[in-house]
Amino acid sequence: MIKPIKILATLSIFLITSNMMIAQEINESHKDSLETIVSNYYSLNLKVFQANSKVVDIDNIFQLFTEDFIYVHPKYGGTYTREKLYNGYVRNQKNGGYNGSIIDIKIINKIIGLNGMVVEKRFVEKKDGVVQEGNSEMTLFEFKNGKISKIFEYW
C-alpha cells in the first residue's frame, strides 16, 4: 500500500512543478512580447520624428494599435481616438513639426504586468548642435490581443 502512495505523491509533485515551470515560461514570453511591442512603438515614433519621414511611417505605428485604441494625454488635449491621433500625426508631419530634433528615446525603467506596461523614458534632443536629455516622463500602455489598446501619458 505504501508504494502506490509514494508513486502518487511523487507524480503529484512532478505535475505541480511542471505546471509552475510552464506558467513561468508563458509569463516570461508574454512579458517579452509586450516589451517588443513597446520597443517597436518607440522605434517607429523616432523614425516619424525625423524631417524626412513619410505617411507610411505613421501608418506603421498605427498597425500596432487595436481598432478601438485611445490615447490619453491630459496635459495636451485629453483623450484622442485612433482617428484623431492619426490625423494629428499627419498634420504635424505636413506642418514640419517633425524636424529631426529628437534623436533618441531613452528608456529608463519599465514595469511589465498582465496586459500592461509602465515606461519611464526621456526624449534625447539635439538643439543648436548640443545633445540634451529631456525630463523623465511616465507612460502607461495597455494591451488587447497582442496590440496596444490604450496609451496614457502622465507628463
N, C-alpha and C. Protein backbone atom coordinates (compact mmCIF):
# COMPACT_ATOMS: atom_id res chain seq x y z
N MET A 1 0.81 -1.20 0.00
CA MET A 1 0.00 0.00 0.00
C MET A 1 0.85 1.26 0.00
N ILE A 2 2.01 1.22 0.63
CA ILE A 2 2.85 2.40 0.74
C ILE A 2 3.40 2.79 -0.63
N LYS A 3 3.76 1.82 -1.47
CA LYS A 3 4.33 2.13 -2.77
C LYS A 3 3.37 2.95 -3.63
N PRO A 4 2.09 2.60 -3.78
CA PRO A 4 1.19 3.43 -4.60
C PRO A 4 1.06 4.85 -4.05
N ILE A 5 1.10 5.03 -2.76
CA ILE A 5 1.00 6.38 -2.17
C ILE A 5 2.26 7.17 -2.52
N LYS A 6 3.44 6.53 -2.42
CA LYS A 6 4.68 7.22 -2.77
C LYS A 6 4.68 7.61 -4.24
N ILE A 7 4.24 6.69 -5.10
CA ILE A 7 4.19 6.97 -6.54
C ILE A 7 3.23 8.13 -6.81
N LEU A 8 2.08 8.09 -6.18
CA LEU A 8 1.09 9.16 -6.36
C LEU A 8 1.62 10.50 -5.86
N ALA A 9 2.29 10.51 -4.73
CA ALA A 9 2.86 11.74 -4.19
C ALA A 9 3.96 12.27 -5.11
N THR A 10 4.82 11.38 -5.58
CA THR A 10 5.91 11.79 -6.48
C THR A 10 5.34 12.34 -7.78
N LEU A 11 4.34 11.68 -8.33
CA LEU A 11 3.70 12.13 -9.56
C LEU A 11 3.04 13.48 -9.35
N SER A 12 2.39 13.69 -8.24
CA SER A 12 1.74 14.97 -7.93
C SER A 12 2.76 16.09 -7.86
N ILE A 13 3.86 15.85 -7.17
CA ILE A 13 4.92 16.85 -7.06
C ILE A 13 5.49 17.18 -8.44
N PHE A 14 5.69 16.16 -9.26
CA PHE A 14 6.21 16.36 -10.61
C PHE A 14 5.25 17.22 -11.43
N LEU A 15 3.97 16.90 -11.38
CA LEU A 15 2.99 17.66 -12.15
C LEU A 15 2.89 19.12 -11.70
N ILE A 16 2.89 19.33 -10.40
CA ILE A 16 2.82 20.70 -9.86
C ILE A 16 4.05 21.49 -10.30
N THR A 17 5.22 20.89 -10.18
CA THR A 17 6.47 21.57 -10.56
C THR A 17 6.48 21.86 -12.06
N SER A 18 6.04 20.89 -12.87
CA SER A 18 6.00 21.09 -14.33
C SER A 18 5.06 22.22 -14.70
N ASN A 19 3.88 22.25 -14.08
CA ASN A 19 2.91 23.31 -14.37
C ASN A 19 3.45 24.67 -13.97
N MET A 20 4.17 24.75 -12.85
CA MET A 20 4.75 26.02 -12.43
C MET A 20 5.80 26.49 -13.42
N MET A 21 6.59 25.55 -13.94
CA MET A 21 7.63 25.91 -14.91
C MET A 21 6.99 26.38 -16.22
N ILE A 22 5.95 25.72 -16.68
CA ILE A 22 5.26 26.11 -17.90
C ILE A 22 4.62 27.48 -17.72
N ALA A 23 3.98 27.71 -16.58
CA ALA A 23 3.36 29.01 -16.31
C ALA A 23 4.41 30.11 -16.31
N GLN A 24 5.58 29.83 -15.75
CA GLN A 24 6.67 30.83 -15.72
C GLN A 24 7.14 31.13 -17.14
N GLU A 25 7.26 30.08 -17.98
CA GLU A 25 7.68 30.29 -19.37
C GLU A 25 6.66 31.13 -20.12
N ILE A 26 5.39 30.85 -19.95
CA ILE A 26 4.33 31.62 -20.61
C ILE A 26 4.39 33.06 -20.13
N ASN A 27 4.56 33.27 -18.83
CA ASN A 27 4.62 34.61 -18.26
C ASN A 27 5.80 35.39 -18.84
N GLU A 28 6.97 34.77 -18.90
CA GLU A 28 8.15 35.44 -19.46
C GLU A 28 7.96 35.74 -20.93
N SER A 29 7.37 34.82 -21.65
CA SER A 29 7.11 35.03 -23.07
C SER A 29 6.14 36.19 -23.27
N HIS A 30 5.13 36.27 -22.43
CA HIS A 30 4.15 37.36 -22.50
C HIS A 30 4.83 38.70 -22.23
N LYS A 31 5.66 38.75 -21.22
CA LYS A 31 6.39 39.98 -20.90
C LYS A 31 7.28 40.39 -22.06
N ASP A 32 7.97 39.42 -22.65
CA ASP A 32 8.86 39.71 -23.78
C ASP A 32 8.07 40.28 -24.96
N SER A 33 6.88 39.73 -25.22
CA SER A 33 6.10 40.22 -26.35
C SER A 33 5.61 41.65 -26.11
N LEU A 34 5.20 41.98 -24.90
CA LEU A 34 4.78 43.35 -24.59
C LEU A 34 5.96 44.30 -24.72
N GLU A 35 7.10 43.87 -24.24
CA GLU A 35 8.30 44.69 -24.31
C GLU A 35 8.69 44.95 -25.77
N THR A 36 8.54 43.94 -26.62
CA THR A 36 8.86 44.08 -28.04
C THR A 36 7.91 45.07 -28.72
N ILE A 37 6.62 44.99 -28.39
CA ILE A 37 5.65 45.91 -28.98
C ILE A 37 5.98 47.35 -28.60
N VAL A 38 6.28 47.60 -27.34
CA VAL A 38 6.60 48.97 -26.88
C VAL A 38 7.91 49.44 -27.51
N SER A 39 8.87 48.58 -27.60
CA SER A 39 10.14 48.93 -28.24
C SER A 39 9.90 49.32 -29.70
N ASN A 40 9.08 48.55 -30.40
CA ASN A 40 8.73 48.87 -31.78
C ASN A 40 8.01 50.20 -31.87
N TYR A 41 7.10 50.45 -30.93
CA TYR A 41 6.36 51.72 -30.90
C TYR A 41 7.33 52.90 -30.83
N TYR A 42 8.28 52.84 -29.92
CA TYR A 42 9.22 53.95 -29.77
C TYR A 42 10.16 54.06 -30.98
N SER A 43 10.61 52.94 -31.53
CA SER A 43 11.47 52.97 -32.71
C SER A 43 10.74 53.59 -33.90
N LEU A 44 9.49 53.21 -34.09
CA LEU A 44 8.71 53.76 -35.20
C LEU A 44 8.42 55.24 -35.00
N ASN A 45 8.17 55.65 -33.76
CA ASN A 45 7.96 57.07 -33.48
C ASN A 45 9.22 57.87 -33.77
N LEU A 46 10.36 57.33 -33.40
CA LEU A 46 11.62 58.02 -33.65
C LEU A 46 11.81 58.24 -35.16
N LYS A 47 11.42 57.26 -35.94
CA LYS A 47 11.51 57.39 -37.40
C LYS A 47 10.59 58.51 -37.90
N VAL A 48 9.37 58.58 -37.35
CA VAL A 48 8.41 59.62 -37.74
C VAL A 48 8.93 61.00 -37.35
N PHE A 49 9.62 61.11 -36.24
CA PHE A 49 10.11 62.40 -35.75
C PHE A 49 11.20 63.01 -36.63
N GLN A 50 11.70 62.25 -37.59
CA GLN A 50 12.75 62.76 -38.46
C GLN A 50 12.15 63.61 -39.58
N ALA A 51 12.92 64.57 -40.06
CA ALA A 51 12.45 65.53 -41.07
C ALA A 51 12.03 64.86 -42.38
N ASN A 52 12.62 63.74 -42.71
CA ASN A 52 12.31 63.08 -43.98
C ASN A 52 11.28 61.96 -43.85
N SER A 53 10.54 61.91 -42.76
CA SER A 53 9.57 60.83 -42.57
C SER A 53 8.40 60.97 -43.53
N LYS A 54 7.74 59.86 -43.76
CA LYS A 54 6.62 59.77 -44.71
C LYS A 54 5.36 59.30 -43.96
N VAL A 55 4.21 59.45 -44.62
CA VAL A 55 2.94 59.00 -44.03
C VAL A 55 2.98 57.50 -43.76
N VAL A 56 3.66 56.74 -44.61
CA VAL A 56 3.76 55.30 -44.40
C VAL A 56 4.44 54.99 -43.06
N ASP A 57 5.33 55.86 -42.60
CA ASP A 57 5.97 55.67 -41.29
C ASP A 57 4.94 55.81 -40.17
N ILE A 58 4.01 56.74 -40.34
CA ILE A 58 2.92 56.89 -39.38
C ILE A 58 2.02 55.67 -39.43
N ASP A 59 1.71 55.21 -40.63
CA ASP A 59 0.88 54.01 -40.80
C ASP A 59 1.47 52.83 -40.06
N ASN A 60 2.79 52.71 -40.09
CA ASN A 60 3.46 51.59 -39.41
C ASN A 60 3.23 51.64 -37.90
N ILE A 61 3.21 52.83 -37.31
CA ILE A 61 2.91 52.94 -35.88
C ILE A 61 1.51 52.45 -35.60
N PHE A 62 0.56 52.86 -36.41
CA PHE A 62 -0.84 52.57 -36.16
C PHE A 62 -1.19 51.10 -36.39
N GLN A 63 -0.32 50.35 -37.03
CA GLN A 63 -0.51 48.91 -37.14
C GLN A 63 -0.34 48.22 -35.79
N LEU A 64 0.30 48.89 -34.85
CA LEU A 64 0.50 48.33 -33.51
C LEU A 64 -0.74 48.49 -32.62
N PHE A 65 -1.73 49.29 -33.07
CA PHE A 65 -2.89 49.65 -32.25
C PHE A 65 -4.12 48.81 -32.59
N THR A 66 -4.95 48.59 -31.57
CA THR A 66 -6.26 47.97 -31.79
C THR A 66 -7.17 48.97 -32.51
N GLU A 67 -8.25 48.49 -33.06
CA GLU A 67 -9.20 49.37 -33.76
C GLU A 67 -9.84 50.36 -32.80
N ASP A 68 -10.04 49.96 -31.53
CA ASP A 68 -10.67 50.84 -30.55
C ASP A 68 -9.64 51.58 -29.67
N PHE A 69 -8.43 51.68 -30.16
CA PHE A 69 -7.33 52.34 -29.45
C PHE A 69 -7.70 53.76 -29.03
N ILE A 70 -7.24 54.14 -27.83
CA ILE A 70 -7.35 55.54 -27.39
C ILE A 70 -6.02 56.00 -26.81
N TYR A 71 -5.78 57.29 -26.95
CA TYR A 71 -4.57 57.93 -26.45
C TYR A 71 -5.02 59.02 -25.50
N VAL A 72 -4.49 59.00 -24.28
CA VAL A 72 -4.88 59.98 -23.26
C VAL A 72 -3.65 60.76 -22.83
N HIS A 73 -3.76 62.07 -22.96
CA HIS A 73 -2.67 62.97 -22.53
C HIS A 73 -3.33 64.23 -21.96
N PRO A 74 -3.67 64.20 -20.66
CA PRO A 74 -4.39 65.32 -20.05
C PRO A 74 -3.73 66.68 -20.26
N LYS A 75 -2.41 66.72 -20.28
CA LYS A 75 -1.71 68.00 -20.43
C LYS A 75 -1.84 68.56 -21.85
N TYR A 76 -2.00 67.68 -22.83
CA TYR A 76 -2.06 68.10 -24.23
C TYR A 76 -3.36 67.71 -24.91
N GLY A 77 -4.47 68.08 -24.34
CA GLY A 77 -5.74 67.93 -25.04
C GLY A 77 -6.65 66.81 -24.60
N GLY A 78 -6.26 66.01 -23.67
CA GLY A 78 -7.18 64.99 -23.15
C GLY A 78 -7.12 63.67 -23.89
N THR A 79 -8.30 63.20 -24.32
CA THR A 79 -8.43 61.88 -24.91
C THR A 79 -8.59 61.98 -26.43
N TYR A 80 -7.84 61.14 -27.13
CA TYR A 80 -7.87 61.10 -28.59
C TYR A 80 -8.27 59.71 -29.05
N THR A 81 -9.17 59.64 -30.01
CA THR A 81 -9.47 58.37 -30.66
C THR A 81 -8.30 58.03 -31.58
N ARG A 82 -8.32 56.83 -32.07
CA ARG A 82 -7.30 56.40 -33.04
C ARG A 82 -7.28 57.35 -34.24
N GLU A 83 -8.44 57.69 -34.75
CA GLU A 83 -8.54 58.56 -35.94
C GLU A 83 -8.01 59.97 -35.65
N LYS A 84 -8.39 60.54 -34.51
CA LYS A 84 -7.91 61.89 -34.17
C LYS A 84 -6.40 61.91 -33.99
N LEU A 85 -5.87 60.89 -33.35
CA LEU A 85 -4.42 60.84 -33.15
C LEU A 85 -3.71 60.69 -34.49
N TYR A 86 -4.22 59.83 -35.36
CA TYR A 86 -3.63 59.65 -36.68
C TYR A 86 -3.61 60.96 -37.45
N ASN A 87 -4.74 61.65 -37.46
CA ASN A 87 -4.83 62.93 -38.17
C ASN A 87 -3.86 63.95 -37.58
N GLY A 88 -3.66 63.92 -36.27
CA GLY A 88 -2.71 64.81 -35.62
C GLY A 88 -1.28 64.52 -36.05
N TYR A 89 -0.92 63.24 -36.13
CA TYR A 89 0.41 62.86 -36.61
C TYR A 89 0.63 63.39 -38.03
N VAL A 90 -0.35 63.15 -38.91
CA VAL A 90 -0.21 63.57 -40.30
C VAL A 90 -0.12 65.09 -40.40
N ARG A 91 -0.94 65.79 -39.65
CA ARG A 91 -0.91 67.26 -39.66
C ARG A 91 0.44 67.78 -39.18
N ASN A 92 0.95 67.22 -38.08
CA ASN A 92 2.26 67.64 -37.57
C ASN A 92 3.36 67.38 -38.59
N GLN A 93 3.27 66.25 -39.27
CA GLN A 93 4.27 65.92 -40.28
C GLN A 93 4.23 66.92 -41.44
N LYS A 94 3.03 67.21 -41.92
CA LYS A 94 2.87 68.14 -43.05
C LYS A 94 3.29 69.56 -42.67
N ASN A 95 3.09 69.93 -41.40
CA ASN A 95 3.44 71.29 -40.94
C ASN A 95 4.90 71.42 -40.52
N GLY A 96 5.68 70.35 -40.67
CA GLY A 96 7.10 70.41 -40.31
C GLY A 96 7.37 70.24 -38.83
N GLY A 97 6.38 69.73 -38.11
CA GLY A 97 6.56 69.53 -36.67
C GLY A 97 7.58 68.46 -36.34
N TYR A 98 7.82 67.56 -37.28
CA TYR A 98 8.83 66.52 -37.09
C TYR A 98 10.06 66.94 -37.88
N ASN A 99 11.02 67.50 -37.18
CA ASN A 99 12.16 68.12 -37.84
C ASN A 99 13.50 67.44 -37.55
N GLY A 100 13.47 66.31 -36.88
CA GLY A 100 14.70 65.59 -36.59
C GLY A 100 15.41 66.01 -35.32
N SER A 101 14.81 66.94 -34.57
CA SER A 101 15.48 67.39 -33.33
C SER A 101 15.49 66.30 -32.26
N ILE A 102 14.50 65.41 -32.28
CA ILE A 102 14.51 64.27 -31.35
C ILE A 102 15.35 63.18 -32.00
N ILE A 103 16.47 62.85 -31.36
CA ILE A 103 17.41 61.89 -31.95
C ILE A 103 17.38 60.52 -31.27
N ASP A 104 16.70 60.44 -30.12
CA ASP A 104 16.60 59.15 -29.44
C ASP A 104 15.48 59.22 -28.40
N ILE A 105 15.00 58.07 -28.02
CA ILE A 105 14.06 57.94 -26.91
C ILE A 105 14.69 56.92 -25.97
N LYS A 106 15.11 57.40 -24.83
CA LYS A 106 15.87 56.58 -23.87
C LYS A 106 14.92 56.00 -22.82
N ILE A 107 14.84 54.68 -22.76
CA ILE A 107 14.03 54.00 -21.75
C ILE A 107 14.84 53.90 -20.47
N ILE A 108 14.30 54.48 -19.40
CA ILE A 108 15.00 54.49 -18.11
C ILE A 108 14.58 53.30 -17.25
N ASN A 109 13.27 53.03 -17.25
CA ASN A 109 12.73 51.98 -16.40
C ASN A 109 11.44 51.47 -17.01
N LYS A 110 11.07 50.24 -16.68
CA LYS A 110 9.79 49.69 -17.12
C LYS A 110 9.30 48.66 -16.12
N ILE A 111 7.99 48.63 -15.98
CA ILE A 111 7.33 47.63 -15.16
C ILE A 111 6.30 46.95 -16.05
N ILE A 112 6.41 45.63 -16.16
CA ILE A 112 5.54 44.88 -17.05
C ILE A 112 4.61 44.02 -16.22
N GLY A 113 3.32 44.13 -16.50
CA GLY A 113 2.31 43.34 -15.82
C GLY A 113 1.46 42.59 -16.82
N LEU A 114 0.34 42.10 -16.35
CA LEU A 114 -0.58 41.37 -17.20
C LEU A 114 -1.29 42.36 -18.11
N ASN A 115 -0.98 42.33 -19.39
CA ASN A 115 -1.60 43.22 -20.39
C ASN A 115 -1.40 44.70 -20.10
N GLY A 116 -0.30 45.02 -19.44
CA GLY A 116 0.01 46.42 -19.18
C GLY A 116 1.50 46.61 -18.96
N MET A 117 1.95 47.81 -19.25
CA MET A 117 3.36 48.13 -19.07
C MET A 117 3.49 49.62 -18.80
N VAL A 118 4.28 49.96 -17.80
CA VAL A 118 4.57 51.36 -17.50
C VAL A 118 6.03 51.60 -17.87
N VAL A 119 6.25 52.71 -18.57
CA VAL A 119 7.59 53.05 -19.04
C VAL A 119 7.98 54.42 -18.52
N GLU A 120 9.20 54.52 -18.03
CA GLU A 120 9.81 55.82 -17.74
C GLU A 120 10.81 56.06 -18.85
N LYS A 121 10.66 57.20 -19.55
CA LYS A 121 11.51 57.49 -20.69
C LYS A 121 11.95 58.94 -20.69
N ARG A 122 12.94 59.22 -21.53
CA ARG A 122 13.40 60.59 -21.77
C ARG A 122 13.60 60.75 -23.27
N PHE A 123 13.15 61.88 -23.81
CA PHE A 123 13.48 62.22 -25.18
C PHE A 123 14.89 62.79 -25.19
N VAL A 124 15.69 62.40 -26.16
CA VAL A 124 17.03 62.96 -26.34
C VAL A 124 16.95 63.85 -27.57
N GLU A 125 17.27 65.13 -27.37
CA GLU A 125 17.15 66.12 -28.44
C GLU A 125 18.49 66.75 -28.77
N LYS A 126 18.58 67.18 -30.00
CA LYS A 126 19.75 67.94 -30.42
C LYS A 126 19.28 69.36 -30.71
N LYS A 127 19.74 70.30 -29.88
CA LYS A 127 19.37 71.71 -30.02
C LYS A 127 20.63 72.54 -30.18
N ASP A 128 20.70 73.27 -31.27
CA ASP A 128 21.87 74.12 -31.55
C ASP A 128 23.17 73.33 -31.48
N GLY A 129 23.11 72.10 -31.98
CA GLY A 129 24.31 71.26 -32.01
C GLY A 129 24.65 70.57 -30.70
N VAL A 130 23.83 70.80 -29.67
CA VAL A 130 24.09 70.21 -28.36
C VAL A 130 23.04 69.12 -28.07
N VAL A 131 23.50 67.95 -27.68
CA VAL A 131 22.61 66.85 -27.33
C VAL A 131 22.19 66.99 -25.87
N GLN A 132 20.86 66.97 -25.65
CA GLN A 132 20.32 67.13 -24.29
C GLN A 132 19.27 66.06 -24.03
N GLU A 133 19.30 65.50 -22.83
CA GLU A 133 18.24 64.59 -22.40
C GLU A 133 17.14 65.41 -21.77
N GLY A 134 15.90 65.10 -22.15
CA GLY A 134 14.76 65.79 -21.58
C GLY A 134 14.42 65.26 -20.20
N ASN A 135 13.33 65.76 -19.66
CA ASN A 135 12.85 65.31 -18.35
C ASN A 135 12.34 63.88 -18.42
N SER A 136 12.36 63.22 -17.29
CA SER A 136 11.81 61.89 -17.17
C SER A 136 10.29 61.96 -17.33
N GLU A 137 9.74 61.05 -18.13
CA GLU A 137 8.29 61.02 -18.40
C GLU A 137 7.76 59.61 -18.22
N MET A 138 6.51 59.51 -17.74
CA MET A 138 5.89 58.22 -17.48
C MET A 138 4.75 57.98 -18.45
N THR A 139 4.71 56.77 -19.02
CA THR A 139 3.66 56.37 -19.96
C THR A 139 3.14 54.99 -19.59
N LEU A 140 1.83 54.84 -19.59
CA LEU A 140 1.18 53.54 -19.35
C LEU A 140 0.66 53.00 -20.68
N PHE A 141 1.00 51.75 -20.99
CA PHE A 141 0.49 51.06 -22.16
C PHE A 141 -0.44 49.95 -21.69
N GLU A 142 -1.59 49.82 -22.35
CA GLU A 142 -2.48 48.68 -22.11
C GLU A 142 -2.62 47.92 -23.42
N PHE A 143 -2.81 46.60 -23.32
CA PHE A 143 -2.81 45.74 -24.49
C PHE A 143 -4.05 44.85 -24.54
N LYS A 144 -4.48 44.57 -25.78
CA LYS A 144 -5.53 43.58 -26.05
C LYS A 144 -5.12 42.79 -27.28
N ASN A 145 -5.16 41.50 -27.17
CA ASN A 145 -4.88 40.62 -28.31
C ASN A 145 -3.58 40.96 -29.03
N GLY A 146 -2.53 41.24 -28.26
CA GLY A 146 -1.23 41.47 -28.84
C GLY A 146 -1.02 42.83 -29.48
N LYS A 147 -1.95 43.76 -29.22
CA LYS A 147 -1.81 45.12 -29.76
C LYS A 147 -2.02 46.13 -28.64
N ILE A 148 -1.54 47.35 -28.88
CA ILE A 148 -1.72 48.43 -27.90
C ILE A 148 -3.16 48.93 -28.00
N SER A 149 -3.88 48.90 -26.87
CA SER A 149 -5.27 49.36 -26.86
C SER A 149 -5.42 50.75 -26.24
N LYS A 150 -4.44 51.14 -25.43
CA LYS A 150 -4.52 52.44 -24.77
C LYS A 150 -3.12 52.90 -24.38
N ILE A 151 -2.88 54.18 -24.58
CA ILE A 151 -1.66 54.81 -24.08
C ILE A 151 -2.11 55.99 -23.23
N PHE A 152 -1.62 56.06 -22.00
CA PHE A 152 -1.93 57.16 -21.09
C PHE A 152 -0.62 57.82 -20.70
N GLU A 153 -0.48 59.08 -21.06
CA GLU A 153 0.74 59.83 -20.75
C GLU A 153 0.56 60.54 -19.41
N TYR A 154 1.52 60.40 -18.52
CA TYR A 154 1.48 61.03 -17.21
C TYR A 154 2.53 62.13 -17.10
N TRP A 155 2.67 62.91 -18.15
CA TRP A 155 3.63 64.01 -18.13
C TRP A 155 3.05 65.21 -18.81
